[in-house]
Protein backbone atom coordinates (compact mmCIF):
# COMPACT_ATOMS: atom_id res chain seq x y z
CA UNK A 1 0.00 0.00 0.00
CA UNK A 2 1.42 3.38 -1.03
CA UNK A 3 0.54 6.77 0.41
CA UNK A 4 0.34 10.02 -1.49
CA UNK A 5 3.16 12.21 -0.14
CA UNK A 6 3.32 15.96 0.41
CA UNK A 7 6.51 17.85 1.20
CA UNK A 8 8.32 14.62 2.01
CA UNK A 9 5.69 13.29 4.40
CA UNK A 10 2.98 10.69 4.03
CA UNK A 11 -0.63 11.83 3.82
CA UNK A 12 -3.79 9.90 4.68
CA UNK A 13 -4.59 9.61 0.98
CA UNK A 14 -3.55 6.52 -0.98
CA UNK A 15 -2.10 6.02 -4.43
CA UNK A 16 -4.37 4.39 -6.96
CA UNK A 17 -3.91 1.83 -9.71
CA UNK A 18 -5.35 1.32 -13.18
CA UNK A 19 -8.35 3.62 -13.59
CA UNK A 20 -8.32 4.58 -9.89
CA UNK A 21 -6.72 7.97 -9.37
CA UNK A 22 -4.34 8.84 -6.54
CA UNK A 23 -6.34 10.03 -3.54
CA UNK A 24 -9.53 8.20 -4.48
CA UNK A 25 -8.66 5.62 -1.79
CA UNK A 26 -10.76 2.94 -3.46
CA UNK A 27 -8.13 0.33 -4.36
CA UNK A 28 -5.18 -1.11 -2.44
CA UNK A 29 -3.06 -4.24 -2.92
CA UNK A 30 -5.99 -6.47 -1.98
CA UNK A 31 -7.60 -9.23 -4.12
CA UNK A 32 -8.19 -7.57 -7.52
CA UNK A 33 -5.99 -4.68 -6.41
CA UNK A 34 -3.02 -7.05 -6.19
CA UNK A 35 -3.61 -8.09 -9.78
CA UNK A 36 -3.70 -4.43 -10.80
CA UNK A 37 -0.46 -3.65 -8.93
CA UNK A 38 1.36 -6.56 -10.58
CA UNK A 39 0.10 -5.63 -14.04
CA UNK A 40 0.91 -1.95 -13.64
CA UNK A 41 4.10 -1.88 -11.62
CA UNK A 42 5.77 -5.07 -12.87
CA UNK A 43 4.32 -5.76 -16.31
CA UNK A 44 4.01 -2.11 -17.33
CA UNK A 45 0.31 -2.22 -18.22
CA UNK A 46 -1.36 1.20 -17.89
CA UNK A 47 -4.87 2.48 -17.35
CA UNK A 48 -7.97 0.34 -16.97
ModelCIF file with pLDDT and N, C-alpha, C, O atoms, coordinates in Angstrom:
data_MODEL
#
_entry.id   MODEL 
#
_entity.id                         1 
_entity.type                       polymer 
_entity.pdbx_number_of_molecules   1 
#
_entity_poly.entity_id                      1 
_entity_poly.type                           'polypeptide(L)' 
_entity_poly.nstd_linkage                   no 
_entity_poly.nstd_monomer                   no 
_entity_poly.pdbx_seq_one_letter_code       
;(UNK)(UNK)(UNK)(UNK)(UNK)(UNK)(UNK)(UNK)(UNK)(UNK)(UNK)(UNK)(UNK)(UNK)(UNK)(UNK)
(UNK)(UNK)(UNK)(UNK)(UNK)(UNK)(UNK)(UNK)(UNK)(UNK)(UNK)(UNK)(UNK)(UNK)(UNK)(UNK)
(UNK)(UNK)(UNK)(UNK)(UNK)(UNK)(UNK)(UNK)(UNK)(UNK)(UNK)(UNK)(UNK)(UNK)(UNK)(UNK)
;
_entity_poly.pdbx_seq_one_letter_code_can   XXXXXXXXXXXXXXXXXXXXXXXXXXXXXXXXXXXXXXXXXXXXXXXX 
_entity_poly.pdbx_strand_id                 A 
#
loop_
_entity_poly_seq.entity_id 
_entity_poly_seq.num 
_entity_poly_seq.mon_id 
_entity_poly_seq.hetero 
1 1  UNK n 
1 2  UNK n 
1 3  UNK n 
1 4  UNK n 
1 5  UNK n 
1 6  UNK n 
1 7  UNK n 
1 8  UNK n 
1 9  UNK n 
1 10 UNK n 
1 11 UNK n 
1 12 UNK n 
1 13 UNK n 
1 14 UNK n 
1 15 UNK n 
1 16 UNK n 
1 17 UNK n 
1 18 UNK n 
1 19 UNK n 
1 20 UNK n 
1 21 UNK n 
1 22 UNK n 
1 23 UNK n 
1 24 UNK n 
1 25 UNK n 
1 26 UNK n 
1 27 UNK n 
1 28 UNK n 
1 29 UNK n 
1 30 UNK n 
1 31 UNK n 
1 32 UNK n 
1 33 UNK n 
1 34 UNK n 
1 35 UNK n 
1 36 UNK n 
1 37 UNK n 
1 38 UNK n 
1 39 UNK n 
1 40 UNK n 
1 41 UNK n 
1 42 UNK n 
1 43 UNK n 
1 44 UNK n 
1 45 UNK n 
1 46 UNK n 
1 47 UNK n 
1 48 UNK n 
#
_struct_asym.id          A 
_struct_asym.entity_id   1 
#
loop_
_ma_qa_metric.id 
_ma_qa_metric.mode 
_ma_qa_metric.name 
_ma_qa_metric.software_group_id 
_ma_qa_metric.type 
1 global pLDDT . pLDDT 
2 local  pLDDT . pLDDT 
#
_ma_qa_metric_global.metric_id      1 
_ma_qa_metric_global.metric_value   97.81 
_ma_qa_metric_global.model_id       1 
_ma_qa_metric_global.ordinal_id     1 
#
loop_
_ma_qa_metric_local.label_asym_id 
_ma_qa_metric_local.label_comp_id 
_ma_qa_metric_local.label_seq_id 
_ma_qa_metric_local.metric_id 
_ma_qa_metric_local.metric_value 
_ma_qa_metric_local.model_id 
_ma_qa_metric_local.ordinal_id 
A UNK 1  2 98.00 1 1  
A UNK 2  2 98.00 1 2  
A UNK 3  2 98.00 1 3  
A UNK 4  2 98.00 1 4  
A UNK 5  2 98.00 1 5  
A UNK 6  2 97.00 1 6  
A UNK 7  2 96.00 1 7  
A UNK 8  2 96.00 1 8  
A UNK 9  2 98.00 1 9  
A UNK 10 2 98.00 1 10 
A UNK 11 2 98.00 1 11 
A UNK 12 2 98.00 1 12 
A UNK 13 2 98.00 1 13 
A UNK 14 2 98.00 1 14 
A UNK 15 2 98.00 1 15 
A UNK 16 2 98.00 1 16 
A UNK 17 2 98.00 1 17 
A UNK 18 2 98.00 1 18 
A UNK 19 2 98.00 1 19 
A UNK 20 2 98.00 1 20 
A UNK 21 2 98.00 1 21 
A UNK 22 2 98.00 1 22 
A UNK 23 2 98.00 1 23 
A UNK 24 2 98.00 1 24 
A UNK 25 2 98.00 1 25 
A UNK 26 2 98.00 1 26 
A UNK 27 2 98.00 1 27 
A UNK 28 2 98.00 1 28 
A UNK 29 2 98.00 1 29 
A UNK 30 2 98.00 1 30 
A UNK 31 2 98.00 1 31 
A UNK 32 2 98.00 1 32 
A UNK 33 2 98.00 1 33 
A UNK 34 2 98.00 1 34 
A UNK 35 2 98.00 1 35 
A UNK 36 2 98.00 1 36 
A UNK 37 2 98.00 1 37 
A UNK 38 2 98.00 1 38 
A UNK 39 2 98.00 1 39 
A UNK 40 2 98.00 1 40 
A UNK 41 2 98.00 1 41 
A UNK 42 2 98.00 1 42 
A UNK 43 2 97.00 1 43 
A UNK 44 2 97.00 1 44 
A UNK 45 2 98.00 1 45 
A UNK 46 2 97.00 1 46 
A UNK 47 2 97.00 1 47 
A UNK 48 2 98.00 1 48 
#
loop_
_atom_site.group_PDB 
_atom_site.id 
_atom_site.type_symbol 
_atom_site.label_atom_id 
_atom_site.label_alt_id 
_atom_site.label_comp_id 
_atom_site.label_asym_id 
_atom_site.label_entity_id 
_atom_site.label_seq_id 
_atom_site.pdbx_PDB_ins_code 
_atom_site.Cartn_x 
_atom_site.Cartn_y 
_atom_site.Cartn_z 
_atom_site.occupancy 
_atom_site.B_iso_or_equiv 
_atom_site.pdbx_formal_charge 
_atom_site.auth_seq_id 
_atom_site.auth_comp_id 
_atom_site.auth_asym_id 
_atom_site.auth_atom_id 
_atom_site.pdbx_PDB_model_num 
ATOM 1   N N  . UNK A 1 1  ? 0.858   -1.185 0.000   1.00 98.00 ? 1  UNK A N  1 
ATOM 2   C CA . UNK A 1 1  ? 0.000   0.000  0.000   1.00 98.00 ? 1  UNK A CA 1 
ATOM 3   C C  . UNK A 1 1  ? 0.893   1.234  0.000   1.00 98.00 ? 1  UNK A C  1 
ATOM 4   O O  . UNK A 1 1  ? 1.824   1.332  0.800   1.00 98.00 ? 1  UNK A O  1 
ATOM 5   N N  . UNK A 1 2  ? 0.610   2.176  -0.897  1.00 98.00 ? 2  UNK A N  1 
ATOM 6   C CA . UNK A 1 2  ? 1.423   3.375  -1.027  1.00 98.00 ? 2  UNK A CA 1 
ATOM 7   C C  . UNK A 1 2  ? 0.594   4.616  -0.696  1.00 98.00 ? 2  UNK A C  1 
ATOM 8   O O  . UNK A 1 2  ? -0.551  4.746  -1.128  1.00 98.00 ? 2  UNK A O  1 
ATOM 9   N N  . UNK A 1 3  ? 1.184   5.511  0.067   1.00 98.00 ? 3  UNK A N  1 
ATOM 10  C CA . UNK A 1 3  ? 0.542   6.773  0.409   1.00 98.00 ? 3  UNK A CA 1 
ATOM 11  C C  . UNK A 1 3  ? 0.907   7.854  -0.602  1.00 98.00 ? 3  UNK A C  1 
ATOM 12  O O  . UNK A 1 3  ? 1.999   7.840  -1.170  1.00 98.00 ? 3  UNK A O  1 
ATOM 13  N N  . UNK A 1 4  ? 0.002   8.774  -0.820  1.00 98.00 ? 4  UNK A N  1 
ATOM 14  C CA . UNK A 1 4  ? 0.338   10.024 -1.492  1.00 98.00 ? 4  UNK A CA 1 
ATOM 15  C C  . UNK A 1 4  ? 1.204   10.827 -0.519  1.00 98.00 ? 4  UNK A C  1 
ATOM 16  O O  . UNK A 1 4  ? 0.889   10.902 0.668   1.00 98.00 ? 4  UNK A O  1 
ATOM 17  N N  . UNK A 1 5  ? 2.270   11.415 -1.001  1.00 98.00 ? 5  UNK A N  1 
ATOM 18  C CA . UNK A 1 5  ? 3.159   12.208 -0.138  1.00 98.00 ? 5  UNK A CA 1 
ATOM 19  C C  . UNK A 1 5  ? 3.014   13.699 -0.442  1.00 98.00 ? 5  UNK A C  1 
ATOM 20  O O  . UNK A 1 5  ? 2.637   14.093 -1.545  1.00 98.00 ? 5  UNK A O  1 
ATOM 21  N N  . UNK A 1 6  ? 3.322   14.512 0.563   1.00 97.00 ? 6  UNK A N  1 
ATOM 22  C CA . UNK A 1 6  ? 3.325   15.961 0.409   1.00 97.00 ? 6  UNK A CA 1 
ATOM 23  C C  . UNK A 1 6  ? 4.477   16.527 1.230   1.00 97.00 ? 6  UNK A C  1 
ATOM 24  O O  . UNK A 1 6  ? 4.553   16.327 2.442   1.00 97.00 ? 6  UNK A O  1 
ATOM 25  N N  . UNK A 1 7  ? 5.361   17.230 0.555   1.00 96.00 ? 7  UNK A N  1 
ATOM 26  C CA . UNK A 1 7  ? 6.515   17.854 1.202   1.00 96.00 ? 7  UNK A CA 1 
ATOM 27  C C  . UNK A 1 7  ? 7.321   16.830 2.007   1.00 96.00 ? 7  UNK A C  1 
ATOM 28  O O  . UNK A 1 7  ? 7.769   17.102 3.121   1.00 96.00 ? 7  UNK A O  1 
ATOM 29  N N  . UNK A 1 8  ? 7.494   15.639 1.407   1.00 96.00 ? 8  UNK A N  1 
ATOM 30  C CA . UNK A 1 8  ? 8.325   14.618 2.014   1.00 96.00 ? 8  UNK A CA 1 
ATOM 31  C C  . UNK A 1 8  ? 7.670   13.813 3.115   1.00 96.00 ? 8  UNK A C  1 
ATOM 32  O O  . UNK A 1 8  ? 8.326   12.994 3.759   1.00 96.00 ? 8  UNK A O  1 
ATOM 33  N N  . UNK A 1 9  ? 6.395   14.032 3.339   1.00 98.00 ? 9  UNK A N  1 
ATOM 34  C CA . UNK A 1 9  ? 5.695   13.295 4.404   1.00 98.00 ? 9  UNK A CA 1 
ATOM 35  C C  . UNK A 1 9  ? 4.479   12.575 3.824   1.00 98.00 ? 9  UNK A C  1 
ATOM 36  O O  . UNK A 1 9  ? 3.886   13.008 2.836   1.00 98.00 ? 9  UNK A O  1 
ATOM 37  N N  . UNK A 1 10 ? 4.131   11.468 4.468   1.00 98.00 ? 10 UNK A N  1 
ATOM 38  C CA . UNK A 1 10 ? 2.977   10.691 4.029   1.00 98.00 ? 10 UNK A CA 1 
ATOM 39  C C  . UNK A 1 10 ? 1.689   11.418 4.387   1.00 98.00 ? 10 UNK A C  1 
ATOM 40  O O  . UNK A 1 10 ? 1.600   12.063 5.432   1.00 98.00 ? 10 UNK A O  1 
ATOM 41  N N  . UNK A 1 11 ? 0.699   11.311 3.522   1.00 98.00 ? 11 UNK A N  1 
ATOM 42  C CA . UNK A 1 11 ? -0.633  11.830 3.816   1.00 98.00 ? 11 UNK A CA 1 
ATOM 43  C C  . UNK A 1 11 ? -1.568  10.653 4.077   1.00 98.00 ? 11 UNK A C  1 
ATOM 44  O O  . UNK A 1 11 ? -1.173  9.495  3.944   1.00 98.00 ? 11 UNK A O  1 
ATOM 45  N N  . UNK A 1 12 ? -2.791  10.952 4.444   1.00 98.00 ? 12 UNK A N  1 
ATOM 46  C CA . UNK A 1 12 ? -3.789  9.904  4.677   1.00 98.00 ? 12 UNK A CA 1 
ATOM 47  C C  . UNK A 1 12 ? -4.468  9.460  3.386   1.00 98.00 ? 12 UNK A C  1 
ATOM 48  O O  . UNK A 1 12 ? -5.361  8.613  3.410   1.00 98.00 ? 12 UNK A O  1 
ATOM 49  N N  . UNK A 1 13 ? -4.054  10.021 2.280   1.00 98.00 ? 13 UNK A N  1 
ATOM 50  C CA . UNK A 1 13 ? -4.587  9.612  0.981   1.00 98.00 ? 13 UNK A CA 1 
ATOM 51  C C  . UNK A 1 13 ? -3.689  8.544  0.375   1.00 98.00 ? 13 UNK A C  1 
ATOM 52  O O  . UNK A 1 13 ? -2.487  8.514  0.638   1.00 98.00 ? 13 UNK A O  1 
ATOM 53  N N  . UNK A 1 14 ? -4.267  7.674  -0.431  1.00 98.00 ? 14 UNK A N  1 
ATOM 54  C CA . UNK A 1 14 ? -3.554  6.517  -0.977  1.00 98.00 ? 14 UNK A CA 1 
ATOM 55  C C  . UNK A 1 14 ? -3.405  6.614  -2.491  1.00 98.00 ? 14 UNK A C  1 
ATOM 56  O O  . UNK A 1 14 ? -4.254  7.184  -3.176  1.00 98.00 ? 14 UNK A O  1 
ATOM 57  N N  . UNK A 1 15 ? -2.316  6.050  -2.999  1.00 98.00 ? 15 UNK A N  1 
ATOM 58  C CA . UNK A 1 15 ? -2.102  6.025  -4.435  1.00 98.00 ? 15 UNK A CA 1 
ATOM 59  C C  . UNK A 1 15 ? -3.007  4.975  -5.068  1.00 98.00 ? 15 UNK A C  1 
ATOM 60  O O  . UNK A 1 15 ? -3.279  3.927  -4.483  1.00 98.00 ? 15 UNK A O  1 
ATOM 61  N N  . UNK A 1 16 ? -3.461  5.281  -6.266  1.00 98.00 ? 16 UNK A N  1 
ATOM 62  C CA . UNK A 1 16 ? -4.373  4.390  -6.960  1.00 98.00 ? 16 UNK A CA 1 
ATOM 63  C C  . UNK A 1 16 ? -3.654  3.431  -7.883  1.00 98.00 ? 16 UNK A C  1 
ATOM 64  O O  . UNK A 1 16 ? -2.433  3.278  -7.828  1.00 98.00 ? 16 UNK A O  1 
ATOM 65  N N  . UNK A 1 17 ? -4.443  2.782  -8.741  1.00 98.00 ? 17 UNK A N  1 
ATOM 66  C CA . UNK A 1 17 ? -3.909  1.831  -9.715  1.00 98.00 ? 17 UNK A CA 1 
ATOM 67  C C  . UNK A 1 17 ? -4.917  1.706  -10.841 1.00 98.00 ? 17 UNK A C  1 
ATOM 68  O O  . UNK A 1 17 ? -6.121  1.813  -10.608 1.00 98.00 ? 17 UNK A O  1 
ATOM 69  N N  . UNK A 1 18 ? -4.441  1.478  -12.067 1.00 98.00 ? 18 UNK A N  1 
ATOM 70  C CA . UNK A 1 18 ? -5.352  1.315  -13.178 1.00 98.00 ? 18 UNK A CA 1 
ATOM 71  C C  . UNK A 1 18 ? -6.152  2.571  -13.417 1.00 98.00 ? 18 UNK A C  1 
ATOM 72  O O  . UNK A 1 18 ? -5.582  3.640  -13.637 1.00 98.00 ? 18 UNK A O  1 
ATOM 73  N N  . UNK A 1 19 ? -7.481  2.459  -13.376 1.00 98.00 ? 19 UNK A N  1 
ATOM 74  C CA . UNK A 1 19 ? -8.351  3.617  -13.590 1.00 98.00 ? 19 UNK A CA 1 
ATOM 75  C C  . UNK A 1 19 ? -8.607  4.403  -12.311 1.00 98.00 ? 19 UNK A C  1 
ATOM 76  O O  . UNK A 1 19 ? -9.263  5.444  -12.350 1.00 98.00 ? 19 UNK A O  1 
ATOM 77  N N  . UNK A 1 20 ? -8.100  3.923  -11.179 1.00 98.00 ? 20 UNK A N  1 
ATOM 78  C CA . UNK A 1 20 ? -8.315  4.578  -9.891  1.00 98.00 ? 20 UNK A CA 1 
ATOM 79  C C  . UNK A 1 20 ? -7.242  5.643  -9.681  1.00 98.00 ? 20 UNK A C  1 
ATOM 80  O O  . UNK A 1 20 ? -6.052  5.331  -9.659  1.00 98.00 ? 20 UNK A O  1 
ATOM 81  N N  . UNK A 1 21 ? -7.648  6.865  -9.531  1.00 98.00 ? 21 UNK A N  1 
ATOM 82  C CA . UNK A 1 21 ? -6.715  7.969  -9.373  1.00 98.00 ? 21 UNK A CA 1 
ATOM 83  C C  . UNK A 1 21 ? -6.130  8.015  -7.968  1.00 98.00 ? 21 UNK A C  1 
ATOM 84  O O  . UNK A 1 21 ? -6.739  7.532  -7.014  1.00 98.00 ? 21 UNK A O  1 
ATOM 85  N N  . UNK A 1 22 ? -4.933  8.607  -7.853  1.00 98.00 ? 22 UNK A N  1 
ATOM 86  C CA . UNK A 1 22 ? -4.343  8.839  -6.543  1.00 98.00 ? 22 UNK A CA 1 
ATOM 87  C C  . UNK A 1 22 ? -5.303  9.685  -5.711  1.00 98.00 ? 22 UNK A C  1 
ATOM 88  O O  . UNK A 1 22 ? -5.872  10.663 -6.196  1.00 98.00 ? 22 UNK A O  1 
ATOM 89  N N  . UNK A 1 23 ? -5.472  9.288  -4.442  1.00 98.00 ? 23 UNK A N  1 
ATOM 90  C CA . UNK A 1 23 ? -6.343  10.031 -3.541  1.00 98.00 ? 23 UNK A CA 1 
ATOM 91  C C  . UNK A 1 23 ? -7.781  9.577  -3.533  1.00 98.00 ? 23 UNK A C  1 
ATOM 92  O O  . UNK A 1 23 ? -8.557  9.999  -2.676  1.00 98.00 ? 23 UNK A O  1 
ATOM 93  N N  . UNK A 1 24 ? -8.161  8.712  -4.483  1.00 98.00 ? 24 UNK A N  1 
ATOM 94  C CA . UNK A 1 24 ? -9.532  8.201  -4.477  1.00 98.00 ? 24 UNK A CA 1 
ATOM 95  C C  . UNK A 1 24 ? -9.736  7.183  -3.364  1.00 98.00 ? 24 UNK A C  1 
ATOM 96  O O  . UNK A 1 24 ? -10.857 6.982  -2.899  1.00 98.00 ? 24 UNK A O  1 
ATOM 97  N N  . UNK A 1 25 ? -8.649  6.540  -2.937  1.00 98.00 ? 25 UNK A N  1 
ATOM 98  C CA . UNK A 1 25 ? -8.660  5.619  -1.793  1.00 98.00 ? 25 UNK A CA 1 
ATOM 99  C C  . UNK A 1 25 ? -9.614  4.445  -1.981  1.00 98.00 ? 25 UNK A C  1 
ATOM 100 O O  . UNK A 1 25 ? -10.181 3.942  -1.011  1.00 98.00 ? 25 UNK A O  1 
ATOM 101 N N  . UNK A 1 26 ? -9.793  4.008  -3.223  1.00 98.00 ? 26 UNK A N  1 
ATOM 102 C CA . UNK A 1 26 ? -10.762 2.936  -3.465  1.00 98.00 ? 26 UNK A CA 1 
ATOM 103 C C  . UNK A 1 26 ? -10.133 1.621  -3.900  1.00 98.00 ? 26 UNK A C  1 
ATOM 104 O O  . UNK A 1 26 ? -10.846 0.645  -4.131  1.00 98.00 ? 26 UNK A O  1 
ATOM 105 N N  . UNK A 1 27 ? -8.793  1.578  -4.017  1.00 98.00 ? 27 UNK A N  1 
ATOM 106 C CA . UNK A 1 27 ? -8.126  0.328  -4.361  1.00 98.00 ? 27 UNK A CA 1 
ATOM 107 C C  . UNK A 1 27 ? -6.768  0.274  -3.682  1.00 98.00 ? 27 UNK A C  1 
ATOM 108 O O  . UNK A 1 27 ? -5.978  1.214  -3.772  1.00 98.00 ? 27 UNK A O  1 
ATOM 109 N N  . UNK A 1 28 ? -6.501  -0.840 -2.998  1.00 98.00 ? 28 UNK A N  1 
ATOM 110 C CA . UNK A 1 28 ? -5.181  -1.107 -2.443  1.00 98.00 ? 28 UNK A CA 1 
ATOM 111 C C  . UNK A 1 28 ? -4.720  -2.471 -2.963  1.00 98.00 ? 28 UNK A C  1 
ATOM 112 O O  . UNK A 1 28 ? -5.411  -3.094 -3.768  1.00 98.00 ? 28 UNK A O  1 
ATOM 113 N N  . UNK A 1 29 ? -3.579  -2.924 -2.514  1.00 98.00 ? 29 UNK A N  1 
ATOM 114 C CA . UNK A 1 29 ? -3.061  -4.237 -2.920  1.00 98.00 ? 29 UNK A CA 1 
ATOM 115 C C  . UNK A 1 29 ? -3.822  -5.333 -2.178  1.00 98.00 ? 29 UNK A C  1 
ATOM 116 O O  . UNK A 1 29 ? -3.312  -5.952 -1.244  1.00 98.00 ? 29 UNK A O  1 
ATOM 117 N N  . UNK A 1 30 ? -5.062  -5.552 -2.625  1.00 98.00 ? 30 UNK A N  1 
ATOM 118 C CA . UNK A 1 30 ? -5.994  -6.469 -1.977  1.00 98.00 ? 30 UNK A CA 1 
ATOM 119 C C  . UNK A 1 30 ? -6.861  -7.115 -3.058  1.00 98.00 ? 30 UNK A C  1 
ATOM 120 O O  . UNK A 1 30 ? -7.515  -6.404 -3.821  1.00 98.00 ? 30 UNK A O  1 
ATOM 121 N N  . UNK A 1 31 ? -6.877  -8.431 -3.137  1.00 98.00 ? 31 UNK A N  1 
ATOM 122 C CA . UNK A 1 31 ? -7.605  -9.234 -4.120  1.00 98.00 ? 31 UNK A CA 1 
ATOM 123 C C  . UNK A 1 31 ? -7.368  -8.682 -5.529  1.00 98.00 ? 31 UNK A C  1 
ATOM 124 O O  . UNK A 1 31 ? -6.259  -8.814 -6.048  1.00 98.00 ? 31 UNK A O  1 
ATOM 125 N N  . UNK A 1 32 ? -8.374  -8.067 -6.163  1.00 98.00 ? 32 UNK A N  1 
ATOM 126 C CA . UNK A 1 32 ? -8.188  -7.574 -7.520  1.00 98.00 ? 32 UNK A CA 1 
ATOM 127 C C  . UNK A 1 32 ? -7.167  -6.441 -7.578  1.00 98.00 ? 32 UNK A C  1 
ATOM 128 O O  . UNK A 1 32 ? -6.548  -6.215 -8.617  1.00 98.00 ? 32 UNK A O  1 
ATOM 129 N N  . UNK A 1 33 ? -6.989  -5.731 -6.467  1.00 98.00 ? 33 UNK A N  1 
ATOM 130 C CA . UNK A 1 33 ? -5.988  -4.676 -6.414  1.00 98.00 ? 33 UNK A CA 1 
ATOM 131 C C  . UNK A 1 33 ? -4.569  -5.206 -6.492  1.00 98.00 ? 33 UNK A C  1 
ATOM 132 O O  . UNK A 1 33 ? -3.675  -4.508 -6.970  1.00 98.00 ? 33 UNK A O  1 
ATOM 133 N N  . UNK A 1 34 ? -4.344  -6.439 -6.027  1.00 98.00 ? 34 UNK A N  1 
ATOM 134 C CA . UNK A 1 34 ? -3.023  -7.050 -6.186  1.00 98.00 ? 34 UNK A CA 1 
ATOM 135 C C  . UNK A 1 34 ? -2.753  -7.360 -7.653  1.00 98.00 ? 34 UNK A C  1 
ATOM 136 O O  . UNK A 1 34 ? -1.645  -7.154 -8.149  1.00 98.00 ? 34 UNK A O  1 
ATOM 137 N N  . UNK A 1 35 ? -3.772  -7.856 -8.337  1.00 98.00 ? 35 UNK A N  1 
ATOM 138 C CA . UNK A 1 35 ? -3.613  -8.091 -9.779  1.00 98.00 ? 35 UNK A CA 1 
ATOM 139 C C  . UNK A 1 35 ? -3.244  -6.791 -10.487 1.00 98.00 ? 35 UNK A C  1 
ATOM 140 O O  . UNK A 1 35 ? -2.334  -6.766 -11.316 1.00 98.00 ? 35 UNK A O  1 
ATOM 141 N N  . UNK A 1 36 ? -3.950  -5.718 -10.161 1.00 98.00 ? 36 UNK A N  1 
ATOM 142 C CA . UNK A 1 36 ? -3.697  -4.430 -10.798 1.00 98.00 ? 36 UNK A CA 1 
ATOM 143 C C  . UNK A 1 36 ? -2.273  -3.962 -10.531 1.00 98.00 ? 36 UNK A C  1 
ATOM 144 O O  . UNK A 1 36 ? -1.596  -3.486 -11.442 1.00 98.00 ? 36 UNK A O  1 
ATOM 145 N N  . UNK A 1 37 ? -1.813  -4.093 -9.285  1.00 98.00 ? 37 UNK A N  1 
ATOM 146 C CA . UNK A 1 37 ? -0.459  -3.647 -8.932  1.00 98.00 ? 37 UNK A CA 1 
ATOM 147 C C  . UNK A 1 37 ? 0.600   -4.429 -9.697  1.00 98.00 ? 37 UNK A C  1 
ATOM 148 O O  . UNK A 1 37 ? 1.581   -3.853 -10.168 1.00 98.00 ? 37 UNK A O  1 
ATOM 149 N N  . UNK A 1 38 ? 0.406   -5.737 -9.824  1.00 98.00 ? 38 UNK A N  1 
ATOM 150 C CA . UNK A 1 38 ? 1.364   -6.564 -10.578 1.00 98.00 ? 38 UNK A CA 1 
ATOM 151 C C  . UNK A 1 38 ? 1.374   -6.145 -12.047 1.00 98.00 ? 38 UNK A C  1 
ATOM 152 O O  . UNK A 1 38 ? 2.438   -5.964 -12.640 1.00 98.00 ? 38 UNK A O  1 
ATOM 153 N N  . UNK A 1 39 ? 0.184   -5.992 -12.630 1.00 98.00 ? 39 UNK A N  1 
ATOM 154 C CA . UNK A 1 39 ? 0.104   -5.633 -14.039 1.00 98.00 ? 39 UNK A CA 1 
ATOM 155 C C  . UNK A 1 39 ? 0.711   -4.259 -14.307 1.00 98.00 ? 39 UNK A C  1 
ATOM 156 O O  . UNK A 1 39 ? 1.403   -4.058 -15.305 1.00 98.00 ? 39 UNK A O  1 
ATOM 157 N N  . UNK A 1 40 ? 0.445   -3.325 -13.413 1.00 98.00 ? 40 UNK A N  1 
ATOM 158 C CA . UNK A 1 40 ? 0.906   -1.955 -13.640 1.00 98.00 ? 40 UNK A CA 1 
ATOM 159 C C  . UNK A 1 40 ? 2.379   -1.770 -13.288 1.00 98.00 ? 40 UNK A C  1 
ATOM 160 O O  . UNK A 1 40 ? 3.143   -1.216 -14.079 1.00 98.00 ? 40 UNK A O  1 
ATOM 161 N N  . UNK A 1 41 ? 2.773   -2.225 -12.122 1.00 98.00 ? 41 UNK A N  1 
ATOM 162 C CA . UNK A 1 41 ? 4.103   -1.883 -11.621 1.00 98.00 ? 41 UNK A CA 1 
ATOM 163 C C  . UNK A 1 41 ? 5.185   -2.886 -12.028 1.00 98.00 ? 41 UNK A C  1 
ATOM 164 O O  . UNK A 1 41 ? 6.373   -2.565 -11.985 1.00 98.00 ? 41 UNK A O  1 
ATOM 165 N N  . UNK A 1 42 ? 4.785   -4.082 -12.417 1.00 98.00 ? 42 UNK A N  1 
ATOM 166 C CA . UNK A 1 42 ? 5.768   -5.070 -12.871 1.00 98.00 ? 42 UNK A CA 1 
ATOM 167 C C  . UNK A 1 42 ? 5.698   -5.257 -14.384 1.00 98.00 ? 42 UNK A C  1 
ATOM 168 O O  . UNK A 1 42 ? 6.717   -5.220 -15.073 1.00 98.00 ? 42 UNK A O  1 
ATOM 169 N N  . UNK A 1 43 ? 4.467   -5.462 -14.896 1.00 97.00 ? 43 UNK A N  1 
ATOM 170 C CA . UNK A 1 43 ? 4.321   -5.759 -16.313 1.00 97.00 ? 43 UNK A CA 1 
ATOM 171 C C  . UNK A 1 43 ? 4.235   -4.510 -17.181 1.00 97.00 ? 43 UNK A C  1 
ATOM 172 O O  . UNK A 1 43 ? 4.352   -4.601 -18.403 1.00 97.00 ? 43 UNK A O  1 
ATOM 173 N N  . UNK A 1 44 ? 4.033   -3.344 -16.568 1.00 97.00 ? 44 UNK A N  1 
ATOM 174 C CA . UNK A 1 44 ? 4.014   -2.105 -17.330 1.00 97.00 ? 44 UNK A CA 1 
ATOM 175 C C  . UNK A 1 44 ? 2.711   -1.813 -18.043 1.00 97.00 ? 44 UNK A C  1 
ATOM 176 O O  . UNK A 1 44 ? 2.686   -1.015 -18.980 1.00 97.00 ? 44 UNK A O  1 
ATOM 177 N N  . UNK A 1 45 ? 1.617   -2.449 -17.614 1.00 98.00 ? 45 UNK A N  1 
ATOM 178 C CA . UNK A 1 45 ? 0.307   -2.221 -18.219 1.00 98.00 ? 45 UNK A CA 1 
ATOM 179 C C  . UNK A 1 45 ? -0.315  -0.972 -17.594 1.00 98.00 ? 45 UNK A C  1 
ATOM 180 O O  . UNK A 1 45 ? -0.306  -0.839 -16.371 1.00 98.00 ? 45 UNK A O  1 
ATOM 181 N N  . UNK A 1 46 ? -0.845  -0.070 -18.384 1.00 97.00 ? 46 UNK A N  1 
ATOM 182 C CA . UNK A 1 46 ? -1.361  1.201  -17.886 1.00 97.00 ? 46 UNK A CA 1 
ATOM 183 C C  . UNK A 1 46 ? -2.873  1.303  -18.046 1.00 97.00 ? 46 UNK A C  1 
ATOM 184 O O  . UNK A 1 46 ? -3.483  0.609  -18.859 1.00 97.00 ? 46 UNK A O  1 
ATOM 185 N N  . UNK A 1 47 ? -3.453  2.185  -17.248 1.00 97.00 ? 47 UNK A N  1 
ATOM 186 C CA . UNK A 1 47 ? -4.875  2.485  -17.347 1.00 97.00 ? 47 UNK A CA 1 
ATOM 187 C C  . UNK A 1 47 ? -5.749  1.322  -16.917 1.00 97.00 ? 47 UNK A C  1 
ATOM 188 O O  . UNK A 1 47 ? -5.316  0.432  -16.186 1.00 97.00 ? 47 UNK A O  1 
ATOM 189 N N  . UNK A 1 48 ? -6.990  1.348  -17.385 1.00 98.00 ? 48 UNK A N  1 
ATOM 190 C CA . UNK A 1 48 ? -7.974  0.341  -16.974 1.00 98.00 ? 48 UNK A CA 1 
ATOM 191 C C  . UNK A 1 48 ? -7.550  -1.071 -17.337 1.00 98.00 ? 48 UNK A C  1 
ATOM 192 O O  . UNK A 1 48 ? -8.275  -2.025 -17.055 1.00 98.00 ? 48 UNK A O  1 
#
